[in-house]
Amino acid sequence: MATPHALYILQSETADRFYVGRSSNSERRIQHHNTTSTGFTARYRPWRLVFSEWFPTKHQAIAAEQLVKRWKSKKMTRYLVEGRINLKERLEAL
């Protein structure tokens, strides 16, 4: 049986930055980003969850993550966070 996975978007509370990721346990991942993570997320702590959407499979969550990361656009990410973009509809259109 497939394990559900979430696409999540974090926003830095100290800088105008977003981080897009996916996990089967998004709460644990967010805690990791805010405490023990190194690299990009460590530089912009603390992070807060601003968006999440669950998918039935890891494969679908990966596809969603890749779509959002391909945008390479803070504006598009904001639209998604604000609810102006329906992610599942965008994925179905591919």
Foldseek 3Di string as FASTA:
>chain_A
DAQKKKWWWKAFPADGDIDIDMDSDVVVVLVCLQPPDDDPSVVRDDIDTQDMDIDRHPVVSVLLRVVVVVVVDSVVVVCVSVVVDDSVVVSVVD
